[in-house]
PDB file of all heavy atoms in Angstrom:
ATOM      1  N   LYS A   1      99.900  87.900  98.480  1.00  0.00           N
ATOM      2  CA  LYS A   1      99.437  87.444  99.783  1.00  0.00           C
ATOM      3  C   LYS A   1      98.725  88.400 100.620  1.00  0.00           C
ATOM      4  O   LYS A   1      97.913  88.156 101.535  1.00  0.00           O
ATOM      5  CB  LYS A   1     100.653  86.856 100.566  1.00  0.00           C
ATOM      6  CG  LYS A   1     101.299  85.597  99.944  1.00  0.00           C
ATOM      7  CD  LYS A   1     102.507  85.093 100.817  1.00  0.00           C
ATOM      8  CE  LYS A   1     102.998  83.846 100.194  1.00  0.00           C
ATOM      9  NZ  LYS A   1     104.193  83.324 100.964  1.00  0.00           N
ATOM     10  N   THR A   2      98.940  89.727 100.293  1.00  0.00           N
ATOM     11  CA  THR A   2      98.298  90.793 101.002  1.00  0.00           C
ATOM     12  C   THR A   2      98.007  91.981  99.989  1.00  0.00           C
ATOM     13  O   THR A   2      98.717  92.038  98.973  1.00  0.00           O
ATOM     14  CB  THR A   2      99.099  91.366 102.237  1.00  0.00           C
ATOM     15  OG1 THR A   2     100.323  91.978 101.628  1.00  0.00           O
ATOM     16  CG2 THR A   2      99.431  90.286 103.208  1.00  0.00           C
ATOM     17  N   ILE A   3      97.169  92.868 100.368  1.00  0.00           N
ATOM     18  CA  ILE A   3      96.972  94.030  99.541  1.00  0.00           C
ATOM     19  C   ILE A   3      98.195  94.950  99.535  1.00  0.00           C
ATOM     20  O   ILE A   3      98.579  95.510  98.568  1.00  0.00           O
ATOM     21  CB  ILE A   3      95.754  94.838 100.059  1.00  0.00           C
ATOM     22  CG1 ILE A   3      94.417  94.071  99.840  1.00  0.00           C
ATOM     23  CG2 ILE A   3      95.664  96.195  99.432  1.00  0.00           C
ATOM     24  CD1 ILE A   3      93.181  94.726 100.335  1.00  0.00           C
ATOM     25  N   GLY A   4      98.897  94.892 100.681  1.00  0.00           N
ATOM     26  CA  GLY A   4     100.111  95.643 100.772  1.00  0.00           C
ATOM     27  C   GLY A   4     101.226  95.150  99.839  1.00  0.00           C
ATOM     28  O   GLY A   4     101.911  95.925  99.168  1.00  0.00           O
ATOM     29  N   ASP A   5     101.253  93.831  99.678  1.00  0.00           N
ATOM     30  CA  ASP A   5     102.167  93.203  98.714  1.00  0.00           C
ATOM     31  C   ASP A   5     101.815  93.571  97.325  1.00  0.00           C
ATOM     32  O   ASP A   5     102.720  93.880  96.473  1.00  0.00           O
ATOM     33  CB  ASP A   5     102.082  91.632  98.877  1.00  0.00           C
ATOM     34  CG  ASP A   5     103.084  90.893  98.027  1.00  0.00           C
ATOM     35  OD1 ASP A   5     104.145  91.442  97.665  1.00  0.00           O
ATOM     36  OD2 ASP A   5     102.802  89.723  97.708  1.00  0.00           O
ATOM     37  N   PHE A   6     100.568  93.616  97.034  1.00  0.00           N
ATOM     38  CA  PHE A   6     100.094  94.069  95.721  1.00  0.00           C
ATOM     39  C   PHE A   6     100.470  95.512  95.453  1.00  0.00           C
ATOM     40  O   PHE A   6     101.031  95.799  94.309  1.00  0.00           O
ATOM     41  CB  PHE A   6      98.577  93.937  95.568  1.00  0.00           C
ATOM     42  CG  PHE A   6      97.985  94.589  94.380  1.00  0.00           C
ATOM     43  CD1 PHE A   6      98.077  94.099  93.137  1.00  0.00           C
ATOM     44  CD2 PHE A   6      97.359  95.827  94.595  1.00  0.00           C
ATOM     45  CE1 PHE A   6      97.570  94.752  92.083  1.00  0.00           C
ATOM     46  CE2 PHE A   6      96.840  96.528  93.494  1.00  0.00           C
ATOM     47  CZ  PHE A   6      96.870  95.914  92.251  1.00  0.00           C
ATOM     48  N   LEU A   7     100.301  96.362  96.428  1.00  0.00           N
ATOM     49  CA  LEU A   7     100.631  97.833  96.147  1.00  0.00           C
ATOM     50  C   LEU A   7     102.143  98.027  95.961  1.00  0.00           C
ATOM     51  O   LEU A   7     102.566  98.922  95.257  1.00  0.00           O
ATOM     52  CB  LEU A   7     100.095  98.610  97.414  1.00  0.00           C
ATOM     53  CG  LEU A   7      98.587  98.688  97.553  1.00  0.00           C
ATOM     54  CD1 LEU A   7      98.205  99.377  98.835  1.00  0.00           C
ATOM     55  CD2 LEU A   7      97.976  99.364  96.349  1.00  0.00           C
ATOM     56  N   LEU A   8     102.934  97.208  96.578  1.00  0.00           N
ATOM     57  CA  LEU A   8     104.366  97.327  96.392  1.00  0.00           C
ATOM     58  C   LEU A   8     104.771  96.974  94.967  1.00  0.00           C
ATOM     59  O   LEU A   8     105.879  97.474  94.500  1.00  0.00           O
ATOM     60  CB  LEU A   8     105.116  96.365  97.350  1.00  0.00           C
ATOM     61  CG  LEU A   8     105.149  96.765  98.861  1.00  0.00           C
ATOM     62  CD1 LEU A   8     105.801  95.699  99.724  1.00  0.00           C
ATOM     63  CD2 LEU A   8     105.893  98.128  99.035  1.00  0.00           C
ATOM     64  N   ASN A   9     103.985  96.212  94.271  1.00  0.00           N
ATOM     65  CA  ASN A   9     104.367  95.715  92.907  1.00  0.00           C
ATOM     66  C   ASN A   9     103.442  96.357  91.837  1.00  0.00           C
ATOM     67  O   ASN A   9     103.488  95.913  90.669  1.00  0.00           O
ATOM     68  CB  ASN A   9     104.165  94.203  92.882  1.00  0.00           C
ATOM     69  CG  ASN A   9     105.280  93.470  93.673  1.00  0.00           C
ATOM     70  OD1 ASN A   9     106.292  93.249  93.257  1.00  0.00           O
ATOM     71  ND2 ASN A   9     104.818  93.117  94.894  1.00  0.00           N
ATOM     72  N   ILE A  10     102.617  97.373  92.285  1.00  0.00           N
ATOM     73  CA  ILE A  10     101.576  97.865  91.368  1.00  0.00           C
ATOM     74  C   ILE A  10     102.157  98.441  90.062  1.00  0.00           C
ATOM     75  O   ILE A  10     101.485  98.382  89.046  1.00  0.00           O
ATOM     76  CB  ILE A  10     100.741  98.910  92.097  1.00  0.00           C
ATOM     77  CG1 ILE A  10      99.407  99.156  91.360  1.00  0.00           C
ATOM     78  CG2 ILE A  10     101.441 100.182  92.307  1.00  0.00           C
ATOM     79  CD1 ILE A  10      98.398  99.938  92.166  1.00  0.00           C
ATOM     80  N   ASP A  11     103.377  99.033  90.131  1.00  0.00           N
ATOM     81  CA  ASP A  11     103.888  99.638  88.890  1.00  0.00           C
ATOM     82  C   ASP A  11     104.326  98.521  87.788  1.00  0.00           C
ATOM     83  O   ASP A  11     104.492  98.891  86.698  1.00  0.00           O
ATOM     84  CB  ASP A  11     105.123 100.494  89.246  1.00  0.00           C
ATOM     85  CG  ASP A  11     104.728 101.671  90.038  1.00  0.00           C
ATOM     86  OD1 ASP A  11     103.611 102.256  89.806  1.00  0.00           O
ATOM     87  OD2 ASP A  11     105.513 102.220  90.873  1.00  0.00           O
ATOM     88  N   ASP A  12     104.474  97.272  88.219  1.00  0.00           N
ATOM     89  CA  ASP A  12     104.806  96.212  87.299  1.00  0.00           C
ATOM     90  C   ASP A  12     103.709  95.412  86.781  1.00  0.00           C
ATOM     91  O   ASP A  12     103.880  94.414  86.124  1.00  0.00           O
ATOM     92  CB  ASP A  12     105.925  95.313  88.013  1.00  0.00           C
ATOM     93  CG  ASP A  12     107.143  96.117  88.418  1.00  0.00           C
ATOM     94  OD1 ASP A  12     107.555  96.963  87.684  1.00  0.00           O
ATOM     95  OD2 ASP A  12     107.695  95.805  89.539  1.00  0.00           O
ATOM     96  N   ILE A  13     102.507  95.796  87.142  1.00  0.00           N
ATOM     97  CA  ILE A  13     101.302  94.975  86.858  1.00  0.00           C
ATOM     98  C   ILE A  13     100.689  95.411  85.488  1.00  0.00           C
ATOM     99  O   ILE A  13     100.416  96.620  85.311  1.00  0.00           O
ATOM    100  CB  ILE A  13     100.259  95.053  87.988  1.00  0.00           C
ATOM    101  CG1 ILE A  13     100.864  94.422  89.225  1.00  0.00           C
ATOM    102  CG2 ILE A  13      98.958  94.480  87.649  1.00  0.00           C
ATOM    103  CD1 ILE A  13      99.956  94.564  90.441  1.00  0.00           C
ATOM    104  N   ASP A  14     100.411  94.468  84.635  1.00  0.00           N
ATOM    105  CA  ASP A  14      99.777  94.680  83.375  1.00  0.00           C
ATOM    106  C   ASP A  14      98.307  94.583  83.531  1.00  0.00           C
ATOM    107  O   ASP A  14      97.762  94.187  84.556  1.00  0.00           O
ATOM    108  CB  ASP A  14     100.261  93.608  82.329  1.00  0.00           C
ATOM    109  CG  ASP A  14     101.693  93.772  81.969  1.00  0.00           C
ATOM    110  OD1 ASP A  14     102.193  94.927  81.965  1.00  0.00           O
ATOM    111  OD2 ASP A  14     102.375  92.754  81.869  1.00  0.00           O
ATOM    112  N   ALA A  15      97.603  94.986  82.505  1.00  0.00           N
ATOM    113  CA  ALA A  15      96.127  94.991  82.499  1.00  0.00           C
ATOM    114  C   ALA A  15      95.669  93.502  82.703  1.00  0.00           C
ATOM    115  O   ALA A  15      96.284  92.539  82.259  1.00  0.00           O
ATOM    116  CB  ALA A  15      95.534  95.520  81.217  1.00  0.00           C
ATOM    117  N   GLY A  16      94.512  93.300  83.371  1.00  0.00           N
ATOM    118  CA  GLY A  16      93.935  92.073  83.576  1.00  0.00           C
ATOM    119  C   GLY A  16      92.695  92.137  84.407  1.00  0.00           C
ATOM    120  O   GLY A  16      92.077  93.166  84.548  1.00  0.00           O
ATOM    121  N   ILE A  17      92.341  91.033  84.965  1.00  0.00           N
ATOM    122  CA  ILE A  17      91.230  91.029  85.921  1.00  0.00           C
ATOM    123  C   ILE A  17      91.662  90.695  87.306  1.00  0.00           C
ATOM    124  O   ILE A  17      92.486  89.877  87.575  1.00  0.00           O
ATOM    125  CB  ILE A  17      90.135  90.006  85.390  1.00  0.00           C
ATOM    126  CG1 ILE A  17      88.806  90.201  86.187  1.00  0.00           C
ATOM    127  CG2 ILE A  17      90.640  88.617  85.475  1.00  0.00           C
ATOM    128  CD1 ILE A  17      87.651  89.502  85.569  1.00  0.00           C
ATOM    129  N   PHE A  18      91.096  91.424  88.334  1.00  0.00           N
ATOM    130  CA  PHE A  18      91.508  91.283  89.667  1.00  0.00           C
ATOM    131  C   PHE A  18      90.521  90.496  90.494  1.00  0.00           C
ATOM    132  O   PHE A  18      89.330  90.770  90.387  1.00  0.00           O
ATOM    133  CB  PHE A  18      91.745  92.673  90.266  1.00  0.00           C
ATOM    134  CG  PHE A  18      92.874  93.444  89.672  1.00  0.00           C
ATOM    135  CD1 PHE A  18      92.678  94.145  88.468  1.00  0.00           C
ATOM    136  CD2 PHE A  18      94.186  93.409  90.127  1.00  0.00           C
ATOM    137  CE1 PHE A  18      93.649  94.802  87.828  1.00  0.00           C
ATOM    138  CE2 PHE A  18      95.182  94.032  89.534  1.00  0.00           C
ATOM    139  CZ  PHE A  18      94.997  94.813  88.419  1.00  0.00           C
ATOM    140  N   VAL A  19      90.976  89.610  91.315  1.00  0.00           N
ATOM    141  CA  VAL A  19      90.114  88.831  92.217  1.00  0.00           C
ATOM    142  C   VAL A  19      90.613  89.195  93.643  1.00  0.00           C
ATOM    143  O   VAL A  19      91.636  88.904  94.064  1.00  0.00           O
ATOM    144  CB  VAL A  19      90.323  87.338  92.012  1.00  0.00           C
ATOM    145  CG1 VAL A  19      89.461  86.572  93.063  1.00  0.00           C
ATOM    146  CG2 VAL A  19      89.950  86.924  90.631  1.00  0.00           C
ATOM    147  N   LEU A  20      89.661  89.926  94.352  1.00  0.00           N
ATOM    148  CA  LEU A  20      89.970  90.344  95.673  1.00  0.00           C
ATOM    149  C   LEU A  20      89.252  89.474  96.719  1.00  0.00           C
ATOM    150  O   LEU A  20      87.995  89.491  96.737  1.00  0.00           O
ATOM    151  CB  LEU A  20      89.574  91.840  95.895  1.00  0.00           C
ATOM    152  CG  LEU A  20      89.630  92.425  97.265  1.00  0.00           C
ATOM    153  CD1 LEU A  20      91.205  92.426  97.705  1.00  0.00           C
ATOM    154  CD2 LEU A  20      89.120  93.860  97.336  1.00  0.00           C
ATOM    155  N   ASN A  21      90.050  88.751  97.470  1.00  0.00           N
ATOM    156  CA  ASN A  21      89.443  87.820  98.507  1.00  0.00           C
ATOM    157  C   ASN A  21      89.557  88.551  99.843  1.00  0.00           C
ATOM    158  O   ASN A  21      90.682  88.738 100.381  1.00  0.00           O
ATOM    159  CB  ASN A  21      90.170  86.530  98.476  1.00  0.00           C
ATOM    160  CG  ASN A  21      89.650  85.532  99.419  1.00  0.00           C
ATOM    161  OD1 ASN A  21      90.347  84.599  99.914  1.00  0.00           O
ATOM    162  ND2 ASN A  21      88.369  85.667  99.850  1.00  0.00           N
ATOM    163  N   ILE A  22      88.446  89.024 100.354  1.00  0.00           N
ATOM    164  CA  ILE A  22      88.548  89.742 101.615  1.00  0.00           C
ATOM    165  C   ILE A  22      87.239  89.504 102.453  1.00  0.00           C
ATOM    166  O   ILE A  22      86.150  89.286 101.897  1.00  0.00           O
ATOM    167  CB  ILE A  22      88.699  91.227 101.364  1.00  0.00           C
ATOM    168  CG1 ILE A  22      89.015  92.031 102.564  1.00  0.00           C
ATOM    169  CG2 ILE A  22      87.481  91.804 100.546  1.00  0.00           C
ATOM    170  CD1 ILE A  22      89.462  93.496 102.326  1.00  0.00           C
ATOM    171  N   SER A  23      87.397  89.484 103.746  1.00  0.00           N
ATOM    172  CA  SER A  23      86.263  89.377 104.637  1.00  0.00           C
ATOM    173  C   SER A  23      85.588  90.784 104.703  1.00  0.00           C
ATOM    174  O   SER A  23      86.187  91.731 104.751  1.00  0.00           O
ATOM    175  CB  SER A  23      86.659  88.972 106.045  1.00  0.00           C
ATOM    176  OG  SER A  23      85.610  89.094 106.946  1.00  0.00           O
ATOM    177  N   LEU A  24      84.195  90.717 104.545  1.00  0.00           N
ATOM    178  CA  LEU A  24      83.476  92.064 104.556  1.00  0.00           C
ATOM    179  C   LEU A  24      82.684  92.162 105.813  1.00  0.00           C
ATOM    180  O   LEU A  24      81.685  92.896 105.895  1.00  0.00           O
ATOM    181  CB  LEU A  24      82.544  91.983 103.391  1.00  0.00           C
ATOM    182  CG  LEU A  24      83.268  92.044 102.039  1.00  0.00           C
ATOM    183  CD1 LEU A  24      82.222  91.850 100.905  1.00  0.00           C
ATOM    184  CD2 LEU A  24      84.072  93.273 101.748  1.00  0.00           C
ATOM    185  N   SER A  25      83.087  91.450 106.941  1.00  0.00           N
ATOM    186  CA  SER A  25      82.425  91.420 108.125  1.00  0.00           C
ATOM    187  C   SER A  25      82.484  92.700 108.993  1.00  0.00           C
ATOM    188  O   SER A  25      81.808  92.942 109.978  1.00  0.00           O
ATOM    189  CB  SER A  25      82.724  90.242 108.992  1.00  0.00           C
ATOM    190  OG  SER A  25      84.097  90.246 109.295  1.00  0.00           O
ATOM    191  N   ASN A  26      83.491  93.533 108.649  1.00  0.00           N
ATOM    192  CA  ASN A  26      83.683  94.782 109.330  1.00  0.00           C
ATOM    193  C   ASN A  26      83.811  96.032 108.404  1.00  0.00           C
ATOM    194  O   ASN A  26      84.238  95.821 107.263  1.00  0.00           O
ATOM    195  CB  ASN A  26      84.884  94.699 110.270  1.00  0.00           C
ATOM    196  CG  ASN A  26      86.157  94.635 109.567  1.00  0.00           C
ATOM    197  OD1 ASN A  26      86.596  95.597 108.990  1.00  0.00           O
ATOM    198  ND2 ASN A  26      86.790  93.408 109.534  1.00  0.00           N
ATOM    199  N   PRO A  27      83.408  97.161 108.808  1.00  0.00           N
ATOM    200  CA  PRO A  27      83.401  98.386 107.953  1.00  0.00           C
ATOM    201  C   PRO A  27      84.736  98.741 107.456  1.00  0.00           C
ATOM    202  O   PRO A  27      84.908  99.250 106.292  1.00  0.00           O
ATOM    203  CB  PRO A  27      82.850  99.524 108.880  1.00  0.00           C
ATOM    204  CG  PRO A  27      82.036  98.740 109.910  1.00  0.00           C
ATOM    205  CD  PRO A  27      82.779  97.496 110.159  1.00  0.00           C
ATOM    206  N   THR A  28      85.825  98.441 108.187  1.00  0.00           N
ATOM    207  CA  THR A  28      87.187  98.797 107.713  1.00  0.00           C
ATOM    208  C   THR A  28      87.595  97.986 106.447  1.00  0.00           C
ATOM    209  O   THR A  28      88.114  98.576 105.504  1.00  0.00           O
ATOM    210  CB  THR A  28      88.207  98.436 108.804  1.00  0.00           C
ATOM    211  OG1 THR A  28      87.914  99.278 110.020  1.00  0.00           O
ATOM    212  CG2 THR A  28      89.620  98.808 108.315  1.00  0.00           C
ATOM    213  N   ASN A  29      87.295  96.660 106.482  1.00  0.00           N
ATOM    214  CA  ASN A  29      87.574  95.888 105.248  1.00  0.00           C
ATOM    215  C   ASN A  29      86.719  96.342 104.108  1.00  0.00           C
ATOM    216  O   ASN A  29      87.226  96.263 102.968  1.00  0.00           O
ATOM    217  CB  ASN A  29      87.315  94.423 105.566  1.00  0.00           C
ATOM    218  CG  ASN A  29      88.475  93.772 106.326  1.00  0.00           C
ATOM    219  OD1 ASN A  29      89.441  94.480 106.687  1.00  0.00           O
ATOM    220  ND2 ASN A  29      88.388  92.448 106.471  1.00  0.00           N
ATOM    221  N   LEU A  30      85.497  96.736 104.333  1.00  0.00           N
ATOM    222  CA  LEU A  30      84.638  97.220 103.233  1.00  0.00           C
ATOM    223  C   LEU A  30      85.224  98.474 102.690  1.00  0.00           C
ATOM    224  O   LEU A  30      85.256  98.618 101.408  1.00  0.00           O
ATOM    225  CB  LEU A  30      83.222  97.449 103.722  1.00  0.00           C
ATOM    226  CG  LEU A  30      82.240  97.968 102.728  1.00  0.00           C
ATOM    227  CD1 LEU A  30      82.038  97.101 101.542  1.00  0.00           C
ATOM    228  CD2 LEU A  30      80.875  98.290 103.405  1.00  0.00           C
ATOM    229  N   LYS A  31      85.744  99.348 103.446  1.00  0.00           N
ATOM    230  CA  LYS A  31      86.339 100.577 102.980  1.00  0.00           C
ATOM    231  C   LYS A  31      87.591 100.284 102.205  1.00  0.00           C
ATOM    232  O   LYS A  31      87.872 100.887 101.183  1.00  0.00           O
ATOM    233  CB  LYS A  31      86.670 101.460 104.140  1.00  0.00           C
ATOM    234  CG  LYS A  31      87.306 102.831 103.821  1.00  0.00           C
ATOM    235  CD  LYS A  31      87.582 103.664 105.081  1.00  0.00           C
ATOM    236  CE  LYS A  31      88.238 104.993 104.611  1.00  0.00           C
ATOM    237  NZ  LYS A  31      88.416 105.832 105.778  1.00  0.00           N
ATOM    238  N   ILE A  32      88.354  99.291 102.711  1.00  0.00           N
ATOM    239  CA  ILE A  32      89.612  98.869 101.997  1.00  0.00           C
ATOM    240  C   ILE A  32      89.276  98.306 100.582  1.00  0.00           C
ATOM    241  O   ILE A  32      89.959  98.675  99.603  1.00  0.00           O
ATOM    242  CB  ILE A  32      90.388  97.809 102.780  1.00  0.00           C
ATOM    243  CG1 ILE A  32      90.953  98.478 104.025  1.00  0.00           C
ATOM    244  CG2 ILE A  32      91.444  97.180 101.933  1.00  0.00           C
ATOM    245  CD1 ILE A  32      91.587  97.477 105.011  1.00  0.00           C
ATOM    246  N   ALA A  33      88.213  97.489 100.543  1.00  0.00           N
ATOM    247  CA  ALA A  33      87.778  96.890  99.230  1.00  0.00           C
ATOM    248  C   ALA A  33      87.368  97.965  98.269  1.00  0.00           C
ATOM    249  O   ALA A  33      87.753  97.879  97.083  1.00  0.00           O
ATOM    250  CB  ALA A  33      86.628  95.920  99.509  1.00  0.00           C
ATOM    251  N   LYS A  34      86.608  98.944  98.754  1.00  0.00           N
ATOM    252  CA  LYS A  34      86.156 100.041  97.829  1.00  0.00           C
ATOM    253  C   LYS A  34      87.392 100.838  97.329  1.00  0.00           C
ATOM    254  O   LYS A  34      87.405 101.264  96.210  1.00  0.00           O
ATOM    255  CB  LYS A  34      85.111 100.878  98.526  1.00  0.00           C
ATOM    256  CG  LYS A  34      83.794 100.200  98.774  1.00  0.00           C
ATOM    257  CD  LYS A  34      82.705 101.188  99.163  1.00  0.00           C
ATOM    258  CE  LYS A  34      82.881 101.636 100.557  1.00  0.00           C
ATOM    259  NZ  LYS A  34      81.617 102.389 101.026  1.00  0.00           N
ATOM    260  N   GLN A  35      88.345 101.082  98.172  1.00  0.00           N
ATOM    261  CA  GLN A  35      89.501 101.878  97.834  1.00  0.00           C
ATOM    262  C   GLN A  35      90.296 101.122  96.765  1.00  0.00           C
ATOM    263  O   GLN A  35      90.859 101.646  95.793  1.00  0.00           O
ATOM    264  CB  GLN A  35      90.331 102.166  98.998  1.00  0.00           C
ATOM    265  CG  GLN A  35      89.805 103.180  99.926  1.00  0.00           C
ATOM    266  CD  GLN A  35      90.612 103.392 101.184  1.00  0.00           C
ATOM    267  OE1 GLN A  35      91.310 102.470 101.672  1.00  0.00           O
ATOM    268  NE2 GLN A  35      90.456 104.535 101.875  1.00  0.00           N
TER     269      GLN A  35
END
């Protein structure tokens, strides 16, 4: 549900393809997406 939720579970994630749904209307979100 959030990037934070993903990061909490990152150690249990297997290889795959990631779909990141995020608004890019502000520089902060763009920076988060690149990170």
